[in-house]
Amino acid sequence: MPTEHIIALLIAERDKLNRAIEALQGPIKRRGRPPKNPVAAAAPPPALPAKKRKGLSAAARKAQSQRVKAYWAARRKKEGEK
């Protein structure tokens, strides 16, 4: 058997083994710095329940609007005096 033929068979066998290993390992590993704790990085973080935000009443919104308008009016007045 010629040497070139033996080398070609060995290369083909190597390629088959590499593909089998990649299939068993899963997707291609990510690039970059590895995580500090590989166990924690593999598990997805637990889903936290969404916190419900309390809304403002119409009166509270209006009062807040008045406070902010007064604040900016005072700020503009102060800037004009300088």
C-alpha atoms as a PDB file:
ATOM      1  CA  MET A   1       0.000   0.000   0.000  1.00  0.00           C
ATOM      2  CA  PRO A   2       1.498   3.378  -0.963  1.00  0.00           C
ATOM      3  CA  THR A   3       2.336   5.799   1.810  1.00  0.00           C
ATOM      4  CA  GLU A   4       0.146   8.565   0.356  1.00  0.00           C
ATOM      5  CA  HIS A   5      -2.899   6.290   0.484  1.00  0.00           C
ATOM      6  CA  ILE A   6      -2.236   5.382   4.136  1.00  0.00           C
ATOM      7  CA  ILE A   7      -1.840   9.070   5.037  1.00  0.00           C
ATOM      8  CA  ALA A   8      -5.098   9.921   3.253  1.00  0.00           C
ATOM      9  CA  LEU A   9      -6.937   7.171   5.184  1.00  0.00           C
ATOM     10  CA  LEU A  10      -5.493   8.371   8.494  1.00  0.00           C
ATOM     11  CA  ILE A  11      -6.465  11.984   7.772  1.00  0.00           C
ATOM     12  CA  ALA A  12      -9.999  10.901   6.876  1.00  0.00           C
ATOM     13  CA  GLU A  13     -10.242   8.916  10.113  1.00  0.00           C
ATOM     14  CA  ARG A  14      -8.923  11.908  12.086  1.00  0.00           C
ATOM     15  CA  ASP A  15     -11.547  14.169  10.502  1.00  0.00           C
ATOM     16  CA  LYS A  16     -14.323  11.697  11.419  1.00  0.00           C
ATOM     17  CA  LEU A  17     -13.087  11.570  15.012  1.00  0.00           C
ATOM     18  CA  ASN A  18     -12.894  15.362  15.232  1.00  0.00           C
ATOM     19  CA  ARG A  19     -16.475  15.706  13.966  1.00  0.00           C
ATOM     20  CA  ALA A  20     -17.671  13.085  16.460  1.00  0.00           C
ATOM     21  CA  ILE A  21     -15.913  14.863  19.324  1.00  0.00           C
ATOM     22  CA  GLU A  22     -17.410  18.223  18.305  1.00  0.00           C
ATOM     23  CA  ALA A  23     -20.888  16.677  18.124  1.00  0.00           C
ATOM     24  CA  LEU A  24     -20.518  15.239  21.624  1.00  0.00           C
ATOM     25  CA  GLN A  25     -19.140  18.473  23.113  1.00  0.00           C
ATOM     26  CA  GLY A  26     -22.008  20.593  21.825  1.00  0.00           C
ATOM     27  CA  PRO A  27     -21.761  23.979  20.150  1.00  0.00           C
ATOM     28  CA  ILE A  28     -18.453  25.714  19.623  1.00  0.00           C
ATOM     29  CA  LYS A  29     -17.132  27.146  22.861  1.00  0.00           C
ATOM     30  CA  ARG A  30     -17.427  30.871  23.338  1.00  0.00           C
ATOM     31  CA  ARG A  31     -14.389  33.030  22.851  1.00  0.00           C
ATOM     32  CA  GLY A  32     -12.961  35.373  25.429  1.00  0.00           C
ATOM     33  CA  ARG A  33     -12.407  35.214  29.134  1.00  0.00           C
ATOM     34  CA  PRO A  34     -14.005  32.190  30.812  1.00  0.00           C
ATOM     35  CA  PRO A  35     -16.530  32.792  33.602  1.00  0.00           C
ATOM     36  CA  LYS A  36     -15.281  32.756  37.197  1.00  0.00           C
ATOM     37  CA  ASN A  37     -17.661  29.976  38.225  1.00  0.00           C
ATOM     38  CA  PRO A  38     -18.324  27.608  35.299  1.00  0.00           C
ATOM     39  CA  VAL A  39     -21.195  25.858  37.125  1.00  0.00           C
ATOM     40  CA  ALA A  40     -23.074  29.105  37.727  1.00  0.00           C
ATOM     41  CA  ALA A  41     -22.465  30.278  34.156  1.00  0.00           C
ATOM     42  CA  ALA A  42     -23.920  27.086  32.680  1.00  0.00           C
ATOM     43  CA  ALA A  43     -27.204  27.370  34.598  1.00  0.00           C
ATOM     44  CA  PRO A  44     -29.521  30.185  33.490  1.00  0.00           C
ATOM     45  CA  PRO A  45     -30.413  32.657  36.229  1.00  0.00           C
ATOM     46  CA  PRO A  46     -33.731  31.981  37.949  1.00  0.00           C
ATOM     47  CA  ALA A  47     -36.622  34.025  36.620  1.00  0.00           C
ATOM     48  CA  LEU A  48     -37.611  36.669  39.137  1.00  0.00           C
ATOM     49  CA  PRO A  49     -41.234  37.778  39.309  1.00  0.00           C
ATOM     50  CA  ALA A  50     -41.737  41.234  37.872  1.00  0.00           C
ATOM     51  CA  LYS A  51     -42.262  43.863  40.543  1.00  0.00           C
ATOM     52  CA  LYS A  52     -45.505  45.704  40.092  1.00  0.00           C
ATOM     53  CA  ARG A  53     -45.040  49.445  40.160  1.00  0.00           C
ATOM     54  CA  LYS A  54     -47.521  51.581  42.013  1.00  0.00           C
ATOM     55  CA  GLY A  55     -48.942  54.293  39.838  1.00  0.00           C
ATOM     56  CA  LEU A  56     -49.687  57.870  40.804  1.00  0.00           C
ATOM     57  CA  SER A  57     -53.202  59.154  41.065  1.00  0.00           C
ATOM     58  CA  ALA A  58     -54.224  62.051  38.866  1.00  0.00           C
ATOM     59  CA  ALA A  59     -53.991  64.437  41.814  1.00  0.00           C
ATOM     60  CA  ALA A  60     -50.510  63.200  42.727  1.00  0.00           C
ATOM     61  CA  ARG A  61     -49.333  63.605  39.126  1.00  0.00           C
ATOM     62  CA  LYS A  62     -50.670  67.152  39.029  1.00  0.00           C
ATOM     63  CA  ALA A  63     -48.972  68.015  42.334  1.00  0.00           C
ATOM     64  CA  GLN A  64     -45.689  66.540  41.080  1.00  0.00           C
ATOM     65  CA  SER A  65     -46.004  68.548  37.871  1.00  0.00           C
ATOM     66  CA  GLN A  66     -46.517  71.756  39.830  1.00  0.00           C
ATOM     67  CA  ARG A  67     -43.462  71.046  42.033  1.00  0.00           C
ATOM     68  CA  VAL A  68     -41.246  70.396  39.007  1.00  0.00           C
ATOM     69  CA  LYS A  69     -42.477  73.513  37.209  1.00  0.00           C
ATOM     70  CA  ALA A  70     -41.780  75.607  40.306  1.00  0.00           C
ATOM     71  CA  TYR A  71     -38.313  74.086  40.618  1.00  0.00           C
ATOM     72  CA  TRP A  72     -37.374  74.898  37.031  1.00  0.00           C
ATOM     73  CA  ALA A  73     -38.867  78.397  37.249  1.00  0.00           C
ATOM     74  CA  ALA A  74     -36.739  79.093  40.325  1.00  0.00           C
ATOM     75  CA  ARG A  75     -33.690  77.643  38.606  1.00  0.00           C
ATOM     76  CA  ARG A  76     -34.192  79.815  35.512  1.00  0.00           C
ATOM     77  CA  LYS A  77     -34.660  82.884  37.735  1.00  0.00           C
ATOM     78  CA  LYS A  78     -31.463  82.080  39.608  1.00  0.00           C
ATOM     79  CA  GLU A  79     -29.512  81.638  36.340  1.00  0.00           C
ATOM     80  CA  GLY A  80     -30.828  84.991  35.087  1.00  0.00           C
ATOM     81  CA  GLU A  81     -29.516  86.800  38.153  1.00  0.00           C
ATOM     82  CA  LYS A  82     -25.925  85.676  37.682  1.00  0.00           C
END
